[in-house]
Amino acid sequence: MSKRTNGWAVVGIGLIIVGAVIYGAAVLVAGGVALAHAGPLSWPVLIVGGPPALGFLILIAKVIVDRIDNKEDAYYSKNVDL
């Protein structure tokens, strides 16, 4: 890894996480407003959209944990210049 770009990955991932949190909060607020105004007829939307969203979050967490725990990736990041 180049010393000039040391830490850029952390900044990039951090910005992506911040954006995802803001977007997720906006979706939750908008969903809450929609549920408050539409009533019980809008609950099926949460049932249909909830599991895929949860699955997506689980897969993102898996990729991040796998990358952190992979010693081979860490070795190549530190010792191999492309």
PDB file of N, CA and C in Angstrom:
ATOM      1  N   MET A   1       0.848  -1.177   0.000  1.00  0.00           N
ATOM      2  CA  MET A   1       0.000   0.000   0.000  1.00  0.00           C
ATOM      3  C   MET A   1       0.888   1.232   0.000  1.00  0.00           C
ATOM      4  N   SER A   2       0.543   2.151  -0.815  1.00  0.00           N
ATOM      5  CA  SER A   2       1.304   3.388  -0.915  1.00  0.00           C
ATOM      6  C   SER A   2       1.079   4.246   0.328  1.00  0.00           C
ATOM      7  N   LYS A   3       2.140   4.886   0.761  1.00  0.00           N
ATOM      8  CA  LYS A   3       2.008   5.770   1.926  1.00  0.00           C
ATOM      9  C   LYS A   3       1.150   6.989   1.599  1.00  0.00           C
ATOM     10  N   ARG A   4       1.089   7.378   0.319  1.00  0.00           N
ATOM     11  CA  ARG A   4       0.266   8.524  -0.078  1.00  0.00           C
ATOM     12  C   ARG A   4      -1.217   8.227   0.088  1.00  0.00           C
ATOM     13  N   THR A   5      -1.600   6.965  -0.096  1.00  0.00           N
ATOM     14  CA  THR A   5      -3.020   6.602  -0.015  1.00  0.00           C
ATOM     15  C   THR A   5      -3.356   5.865   1.268  1.00  0.00           C
ATOM     16  N   ASN A   6      -2.444   5.847   2.194  1.00  0.00           N
ATOM     17  CA  ASN A   6      -2.686   5.155   3.457  1.00  0.00           C
ATOM     18  C   ASN A   6      -3.863   5.800   4.185  1.00  0.00           C
ATOM     19  N   GLY A   7      -4.885   5.024   4.468  1.00  0.00           N
ATOM     20  CA  GLY A   7      -6.042   5.530   5.179  1.00  0.00           C
ATOM     21  C   GLY A   7      -7.205   5.922   4.286  1.00  0.00           C
ATOM     22  N   TRP A   8      -6.987   5.961   2.975  1.00  0.00           N
ATOM     23  CA  TRP A   8      -8.067   6.330   2.060  1.00  0.00           C
ATOM     24  C   TRP A   8      -9.201   5.316   2.104  1.00  0.00           C
ATOM     25  N   ALA A   9      -8.858   4.046   2.248  1.00  0.00           N
ATOM     26  CA  ALA A   9      -9.899   3.009   2.302  1.00  0.00           C
ATOM     27  C   ALA A   9     -10.798   3.223   3.512  1.00  0.00           C
ATOM     28  N   VAL A  10     -10.205   3.567   4.637  1.00  0.00           N
ATOM     29  CA  VAL A  10     -10.989   3.799   5.850  1.00  0.00           C
ATOM     30  C   VAL A  10     -11.913   5.003   5.662  1.00  0.00           C
ATOM     31  N   VAL A  11     -11.398   6.055   5.062  1.00  0.00           N
ATOM     32  CA  VAL A  11     -12.220   7.239   4.811  1.00  0.00           C
ATOM     33  C   VAL A  11     -13.347   6.897   3.845  1.00  0.00           C
ATOM     34  N   GLY A  12     -13.030   6.174   2.785  1.00  0.00           N
ATOM     35  CA  GLY A  12     -14.043   5.797   1.803  1.00  0.00           C
ATOM     36  C   GLY A  12     -15.139   4.936   2.397  1.00  0.00           C
ATOM     37  N   ILE A  13     -14.744   3.906   3.145  1.00  0.00           N
ATOM     38  CA  ILE A  13     -15.734   3.043   3.788  1.00  0.00           C
ATOM     39  C   ILE A  13     -16.540   3.832   4.808  1.00  0.00           C
ATOM     40  N   GLY A  14     -15.886   4.706   5.543  1.00  0.00           N
ATOM     41  CA  GLY A  14     -16.591   5.535   6.524  1.00  0.00           C
ATOM     42  C   GLY A  14     -17.647   6.414   5.881  1.00  0.00           C
ATOM     43  N   LEU A  15     -17.311   7.029   4.743  1.00  0.00           N
ATOM     44  CA  LEU A  15     -18.280   7.865   4.039  1.00  0.00           C
ATOM     45  C   LEU A  15     -19.447   7.042   3.497  1.00  0.00           C
ATOM     46  N   ILE A  16     -19.155   5.847   3.013  1.00  0.00           N
ATOM     47  CA  ILE A  16     -20.229   4.975   2.531  1.00  0.00           C
ATOM     48  C   ILE A  16     -21.157   4.589   3.676  1.00  0.00           C
ATOM     49  N   ILE A  17     -20.585   4.272   4.831  1.00  0.00           N
ATOM     50  CA  ILE A  17     -21.397   3.897   5.991  1.00  0.00           C
ATOM     51  C   ILE A  17     -22.239   5.082   6.458  1.00  0.00           C
ATOM     52  N   VAL A  18     -21.648   6.266   6.502  1.00  0.00           N
ATOM     53  CA  VAL A  18     -22.406   7.460   6.905  1.00  0.00           C
ATOM     54  C   VAL A  18     -23.564   7.694   5.941  1.00  0.00           C
ATOM     55  N   GLY A  19     -23.300   7.587   4.655  1.00  0.00           N
ATOM     56  CA  GLY A  19     -24.359   7.757   3.665  1.00  0.00           C
ATOM     57  C   GLY A  19     -25.456   6.717   3.809  1.00  0.00           C
ATOM     58  N   ALA A  20     -25.066   5.468   4.056  1.00  0.00           N
ATOM     59  CA  ALA A  20     -26.052   4.398   4.229  1.00  0.00           C
ATOM     60  C   ALA A  20     -26.906   4.634   5.471  1.00  0.00           C
ATOM     61  N   VAL A  21     -26.296   5.107   6.550  1.00  0.00           N
ATOM     62  CA  VAL A  21     -27.051   5.383   7.776  1.00  0.00           C
ATOM     63  C   VAL A  21     -28.044   6.522   7.549  1.00  0.00           C
ATOM     64  N   ILE A  22     -27.599   7.578   6.886  1.00  0.00           N
ATOM     65  CA  ILE A  22     -28.503   8.700   6.602  1.00  0.00           C
ATOM     66  C   ILE A  22     -29.642   8.245   5.695  1.00  0.00           C
ATOM     67  N   TYR A  23     -29.320   7.495   4.659  1.00  0.00           N
ATOM     68  CA  TYR A  23     -30.347   6.998   3.747  1.00  0.00           C
ATOM     69  C   TYR A  23     -31.321   6.078   4.477  1.00  0.00           C
ATOM     70  N   GLY A  24     -30.788   5.167   5.302  1.00  0.00           N
ATOM     71  CA  GLY A  24     -31.645   4.262   6.067  1.00  0.00           C
ATOM     72  C   GLY A  24     -32.564   5.004   7.019  1.00  0.00           C
ATOM     73  N   ALA A  25     -32.042   6.026   7.677  1.00  0.00           N
ATOM     74  CA  ALA A  25     -32.874   6.823   8.580  1.00  0.00           C
ATOM     75  C   ALA A  25     -33.976   7.536   7.809  1.00  0.00           C
ATOM     76  N   ALA A  26     -33.650   8.064   6.628  1.00  0.00           N
ATOM     77  CA  ALA A  26     -34.659   8.736   5.816  1.00  0.00           C
ATOM     78  C   ALA A  26     -35.744   7.761   5.365  1.00  0.00           C
ATOM     79  N   VAL A  27     -35.340   6.553   5.000  1.00  0.00           N
ATOM     80  CA  VAL A  27     -36.314   5.537   4.592  1.00  0.00           C
ATOM     81  C   VAL A  27     -37.225   5.178   5.762  1.00  0.00           C
ATOM     82  N   LEU A  28     -36.643   5.029   6.951  1.00  0.00           N
ATOM     83  CA  LEU A  28     -37.460   4.701   8.124  1.00  0.00           C
ATOM     84  C   LEU A  28     -38.438   5.824   8.454  1.00  0.00           C
ATOM     85  N   VAL A  29     -37.982   7.060   8.383  1.00  0.00           N
ATOM     86  CA  VAL A  29     -38.870   8.185   8.657  1.00  0.00           C
ATOM     87  C   VAL A  29     -39.980   8.247   7.616  1.00  0.00           C
ATOM     88  N   ALA A  30     -39.623   8.114   6.345  1.00  0.00           N
ATOM     89  CA  ALA A  30     -40.630   8.150   5.286  1.00  0.00           C
ATOM     90  C   ALA A  30     -41.608   6.981   5.427  1.00  0.00           C
ATOM     91  N   GLY A  31     -41.104   5.810   5.787  1.00  0.00           N
ATOM     92  CA  GLY A  31     -41.984   4.666   6.008  1.00  0.00           C
ATOM     93  C   GLY A  31     -42.913   4.884   7.176  1.00  0.00           C
ATOM     94  N   GLY A  32     -42.408   5.485   8.234  1.00  0.00           N
ATOM     95  CA  GLY A  32     -43.251   5.787   9.386  1.00  0.00           C
ATOM     96  C   GLY A  32     -44.346   6.777   9.051  1.00  0.00           C
ATOM     97  N   VAL A  33     -43.997   7.788   8.275  1.00  0.00           N
ATOM     98  CA  VAL A  33     -44.995   8.771   7.855  1.00  0.00           C
ATOM     99  C   VAL A  33     -46.038   8.105   6.959  1.00  0.00           C
ATOM    100  N   ALA A  34     -45.577   7.258   6.049  1.00  0.00           N
ATOM    101  CA  ALA A  34     -46.505   6.569   5.148  1.00  0.00           C
ATOM    102  C   ALA A  34     -47.437   5.651   5.930  1.00  0.00           C
ATOM    103  N   LEU A  35     -46.901   4.935   6.909  1.00  0.00           N
ATOM    104  CA  LEU A  35     -47.736   4.042   7.722  1.00  0.00           C
ATOM    105  C   LEU A  35     -48.737   4.834   8.557  1.00  0.00           C
ATOM    106  N   ALA A  36     -48.321   5.991   9.048  1.00  0.00           N
ATOM    107  CA  ALA A  36     -49.216   6.808   9.866  1.00  0.00           C
ATOM    108  C   ALA A  36     -50.389   7.328   9.046  1.00  0.00           C
ATOM    109  N   HIS A  37     -50.154   7.630   7.782  1.00  0.00           N
ATOM    110  CA  HIS A  37     -51.209   8.192   6.948  1.00  0.00           C
ATOM    111  C   HIS A  37     -52.017   7.136   6.200  1.00  0.00           C
ATOM    112  N   ALA A  38     -51.380   6.024   5.854  1.00  0.00           N
ATOM    113  CA  ALA A  38     -52.064   5.021   5.036  1.00  0.00           C
ATOM    114  C   ALA A  38     -52.795   3.982   5.881  1.00  0.00           C
ATOM    115  N   GLY A  39     -52.356   3.801   7.098  1.00  0.00           N
ATOM    116  CA  GLY A  39     -53.015   2.839   7.957  1.00  0.00           C
ATOM    117  C   GLY A  39     -52.526   1.418   7.733  1.00  0.00           C
ATOM    118  N   PRO A  40     -53.335   0.445   8.156  1.00  0.00           N
ATOM    119  CA  PRO A  40     -52.891  -0.948   8.137  1.00  0.00           C
ATOM    120  C   PRO A  40     -52.726  -1.536   6.736  1.00  0.00           C
ATOM    121  N   LEU A  41     -53.233  -0.890   5.714  1.00  0.00           N
ATOM    122  CA  LEU A  41     -53.097  -1.437   4.369  1.00  0.00           C
ATOM    123  C   LEU A  41     -51.665  -1.370   3.849  1.00  0.00           C
ATOM    124  N   SER A  42     -50.815  -0.547   4.453  1.00  0.00           N
ATOM    125  CA  SER A  42     -49.439  -0.422   3.984  1.00  0.00           C
ATOM    126  C   SER A  42     -48.484  -1.395   4.675  1.00  0.00           C
ATOM    127  N   TRP A  43     -48.943  -2.154   5.648  1.00  0.00           N
ATOM    128  CA  TRP A  43     -48.076  -3.127   6.322  1.00  0.00           C
ATOM    129  C   TRP A  43     -47.525  -4.197   5.384  1.00  0.00           C
ATOM    130  N   PRO A  44     -48.275  -4.664   4.381  1.00  0.00           N
ATOM    131  CA  PRO A  44     -47.685  -5.658   3.467  1.00  0.00           C
ATOM    132  C   PRO A  44     -46.434  -5.156   2.752  1.00  0.00           C
ATOM    133  N   VAL A  45     -46.317  -3.851   2.564  1.00  0.00           N
ATOM    134  CA  VAL A  45     -45.115  -3.309   1.937  1.00  0.00           C
ATOM    135  C   VAL A  45     -43.897  -3.619   2.795  1.00  0.00           C
ATOM    136  N   LEU A  46     -44.039  -3.490   4.108  1.00  0.00           N
ATOM    137  CA  LEU A  46     -42.924  -3.803   5.003  1.00  0.00           C
ATOM    138  C   LEU A  46     -42.623  -5.297   5.008  1.00  0.00           C
ATOM    139  N   ILE A  47     -43.645  -6.116   4.910  1.00  0.00           N
ATOM    140  CA  ILE A  47     -43.447  -7.567   4.909  1.00  0.00           C
ATOM    141  C   ILE A  47     -42.710  -7.991   3.640  1.00  0.00           C
ATOM    142  N   VAL A  48     -43.033  -7.381   2.513  1.00  0.00           N
ATOM    143  CA  VAL A  48     -42.385  -7.731   1.249  1.00  0.00           C
ATOM    144  C   VAL A  48     -40.980  -7.143   1.172  1.00  0.00           C
ATOM    145  N   GLY A  49     -40.799  -5.909   1.597  1.00  0.00           N
ATOM    146  CA  GLY A  49     -39.506  -5.247   1.458  1.00  0.00           C
ATOM    147  C   GLY A  49     -38.537  -5.482   2.593  1.00  0.00           C
ATOM    148  N   GLY A  50     -39.033  -5.897   3.745  1.00  0.00           N
ATOM    149  CA  GLY A  50     -38.171  -6.062   4.918  1.00  0.00           C
ATOM    150  C   GLY A  50     -37.132  -7.162   4.809  1.00  0.00           C
ATOM    151  N   PRO A  51     -37.535  -8.389   4.485  1.00  0.00           N
ATOM    152  CA  PRO A  51     -36.545  -9.471   4.408  1.00  0.00           C
ATOM    153  C   PRO A  51     -35.416  -9.237   3.405  1.00  0.00           C
ATOM    154  N   PRO A  52     -35.705  -8.742   2.183  1.00  0.00           N
ATOM    155  CA  PRO A  52     -34.576  -8.470   1.292  1.00  0.00           C
ATOM    156  C   PRO A  52     -33.633  -7.390   1.830  1.00  0.00           C
ATOM    157  N   ALA A  53     -34.196  -6.359   2.456  1.00  0.00           N
ATOM    158  CA  ALA A  53     -33.343  -5.311   3.028  1.00  0.00           C
ATOM    159  C   ALA A  53     -32.482  -5.875   4.151  1.00  0.00           C
ATOM    160  N   LEU A  54     -33.069  -6.706   4.999  1.00  0.00           N
ATOM    161  CA  LEU A  54     -32.302  -7.330   6.078  1.00  0.00           C
ATOM    162  C   LEU A  54     -31.233  -8.261   5.521  1.00  0.00           C
ATOM    163  N   GLY A  55     -31.578  -9.019   4.493  1.00  0.00           N
ATOM    164  CA  GLY A  55     -30.601  -9.905   3.855  1.00  0.00           C
ATOM    165  C   GLY A  55     -29.437  -9.127   3.267  1.00  0.00           C
ATOM    166  N   PHE A  56     -29.732  -7.988   2.636  1.00  0.00           N
ATOM    167  CA  PHE A  56     -28.687  -7.142   2.076  1.00  0.00           C
ATOM    168  C   PHE A  56     -27.742  -6.641   3.168  1.00  0.00           C
ATOM    169  N   LEU A  57     -28.298  -6.199   4.286  1.00  0.00           N
ATOM    170  CA  LEU A  57     -27.459  -5.731   5.397  1.00  0.00           C
ATOM    171  C   LEU A  57     -26.600  -6.852   5.959  1.00  0.00           C
ATOM    172  N   ILE A  58     -27.159  -8.051   6.055  1.00  0.00           N
ATOM    173  CA  ILE A  58     -26.395  -9.196   6.553  1.00  0.00           C
ATOM    174  C   ILE A  58     -25.241  -9.516   5.605  1.00  0.00           C
ATOM    175  N   LEU A  59     -25.490  -9.478   4.294  1.00  0.00           N
ATOM    176  CA  LEU A  59     -24.424  -9.756   3.333  1.00  0.00           C
ATOM    177  C   LEU A  59     -23.334  -8.690   3.366  1.00  0.00           C
ATOM    178  N   ILE A  60     -23.714  -7.434   3.548  1.00  0.00           N
ATOM    179  CA  ILE A  60     -22.702  -6.373   3.667  1.00  0.00           C
ATOM    180  C   ILE A  60     -21.839  -6.612   4.907  1.00  0.00           C
ATOM    181  N   ALA A  61     -22.476  -6.965   6.020  1.00  0.00           N
ATOM    182  CA  ALA A  61     -21.728  -7.247   7.246  1.00  0.00           C
ATOM    183  C   ALA A  61     -20.794  -8.437   7.039  1.00  0.00           C
ATOM    184  N   LYS A  62     -21.251  -9.465   6.331  1.00  0.00           N
ATOM    185  CA  LYS A  62     -20.420 -10.647   6.071  1.00  0.00           C
ATOM    186  C   LYS A  62     -19.190 -10.283   5.253  1.00  0.00           C
ATOM    187  N   VAL A  63     -19.374  -9.479   4.211  1.00  0.00           N
ATOM    188  CA  VAL A  63     -18.242  -9.077   3.373  1.00  0.00           C
ATOM    189  C   VAL A  63     -17.225  -8.289   4.186  1.00  0.00           C
ATOM    190  N   ILE A  64     -17.697  -7.372   5.021  1.00  0.00           N
ATOM    191  CA  ILE A  64     -16.780  -6.570   5.831  1.00  0.00           C
ATOM    192  C   ILE A  64     -16.030  -7.436   6.833  1.00  0.00           C
ATOM    193  N   VAL A  65     -16.735  -8.328   7.514  1.00  0.00           N
ATOM    194  CA  VAL A  65     -16.081  -9.202   8.502  1.00  0.00           C
ATOM    195  C   VAL A  65     -15.106 -10.152   7.817  1.00  0.00           C
ATOM    196  N   ASP A  66     -15.493 -10.730   6.672  1.00  0.00           N
ATOM    197  CA  ASP A  66     -14.588 -11.624   5.943  1.00  0.00           C
ATOM    198  C   ASP A  66     -13.331 -10.890   5.502  1.00  0.00           C
ATOM    199  N   ARG A  67     -13.468  -9.654   5.061  1.00  0.00           N
ATOM    200  CA  ARG A  67     -12.309  -8.885   4.620  1.00  0.00           C
ATOM    201  C   ARG A  67     -11.388  -8.559   5.786  1.00  0.00           C
ATOM    202  N   ILE A  68     -11.962  -8.217   6.923  1.00  0.00           N
ATOM    203  CA  ILE A  68     -11.150  -7.890   8.098  1.00  0.00           C
ATOM    204  C   ILE A  68     -10.400  -9.115   8.606  1.00  0.00           C
ATOM    205  N   ASP A  69     -11.052 -10.283   8.575  1.00  0.00           N
ATOM    206  CA  ASP A  69     -10.448 -11.494   9.128  1.00  0.00           C
ATOM    207  C   ASP A  69      -9.529 -12.238   8.159  1.00  0.00           C
ATOM    208  N   ASN A  70      -9.453 -11.832   6.895  1.00  0.00           N
ATOM    209  CA  ASN A  70      -8.681 -12.567   5.902  1.00  0.00           C
ATOM    210  C   ASN A  70      -7.219 -12.147   5.966  1.00  0.00           C
ATOM    211  N   LYS A  71      -6.370 -13.062   6.430  1.00  0.00           N
ATOM    212  CA  LYS A  71      -4.943 -12.766   6.579  1.00  0.00           C
ATOM    213  C   LYS A  71      -4.252 -12.636   5.223  1.00  0.00           C
ATOM    214  N   GLU A  72      -4.727 -13.388   4.230  1.00  0.00           N
ATOM    215  CA  GLU A  72      -4.122 -13.307   2.902  1.00  0.00           C
ATOM    216  C   GLU A  72      -4.360 -11.922   2.288  1.00  0.00           C
ATOM    217  N   ASP A  73      -5.567 -11.397   2.415  1.00  0.00           N
ATOM    218  CA  ASP A  73      -5.856 -10.051   1.912  1.00  0.00           C
ATOM    219  C   ASP A  73      -4.998  -9.012   2.626  1.00  0.00           C
ATOM    220  N   ALA A  74      -4.851  -9.166   3.924  1.00  0.00           N
ATOM    221  CA  ALA A  74      -4.038  -8.219   4.691  1.00  0.00           C
ATOM    222  C   ALA A  74      -2.583  -8.277   4.236  1.00  0.00           C
ATOM    223  N   TYR A  75      -2.080  -9.492   3.973  1.00  0.00           N
ATOM    224  CA  TYR A  75      -0.700  -9.641   3.516  1.00  0.00           C
ATOM    225  C   TYR A  75      -0.499  -8.930   2.180  1.00  0.00           C
ATOM    226  N   TYR A  76      -1.391  -9.189   1.221  1.00  0.00           N
ATOM    227  CA  TYR A  76      -1.247  -8.571  -0.096  1.00  0.00           C
ATOM    228  C   TYR A  76      -1.426  -7.057  -0.033  1.00  0.00           C
ATOM    229  N   SER A  77      -2.305  -6.582   0.833  1.00  0.00           N
ATOM    230  CA  SER A  77      -2.483  -5.136   0.965  1.00  0.00           C
ATOM    231  C   SER A  77      -1.227  -4.461   1.470  1.00  0.00           C
ATOM    232  N   LYS A  78      -0.487  -5.141   2.328  1.00  0.00           N
ATOM    233  CA  LYS A  78       0.705  -4.544   2.918  1.00  0.00           C
ATOM    234  C   LYS A  78       1.962  -4.760   2.074  1.00  0.00           C
ATOM    235  N   ASN A  79       2.049  -5.890   1.355  1.00  0.00           N
ATOM    236  CA  ASN A  79       3.311  -6.276   0.742  1.00  0.00           C
ATOM    237  C   ASN A  79       3.343  -6.263  -0.787  1.00  0.00           C
ATOM    238  N   VAL A  80       2.239  -6.162  -1.444  1.00  0.00           N
ATOM    239  CA  VAL A  80       2.226  -6.240  -2.909  1.00  0.00           C
ATOM    240  C   VAL A  80       1.771  -4.905  -3.473  1.00  0.00           C
ATOM    241  N   ASP A  81       2.592  -4.324  -4.329  1.00  0.00           N
ATOM    242  CA  ASP A  81       2.242  -3.075  -5.014  1.00  0.00           C
ATOM    243  C   ASP A  81       1.791  -3.418  -6.427  1.00  0.00           C
ATOM    244  N   LEU A  82       0.682  -2.852  -6.825  1.00  0.00           N
ATOM    245  CA  LEU A  82       0.167  -3.099  -8.176  1.00  0.00           C
ATOM    246  C   LEU A  82       0.543  -1.991  -9.107  1.00  0.00           C
TER     247      LEU A  82
END
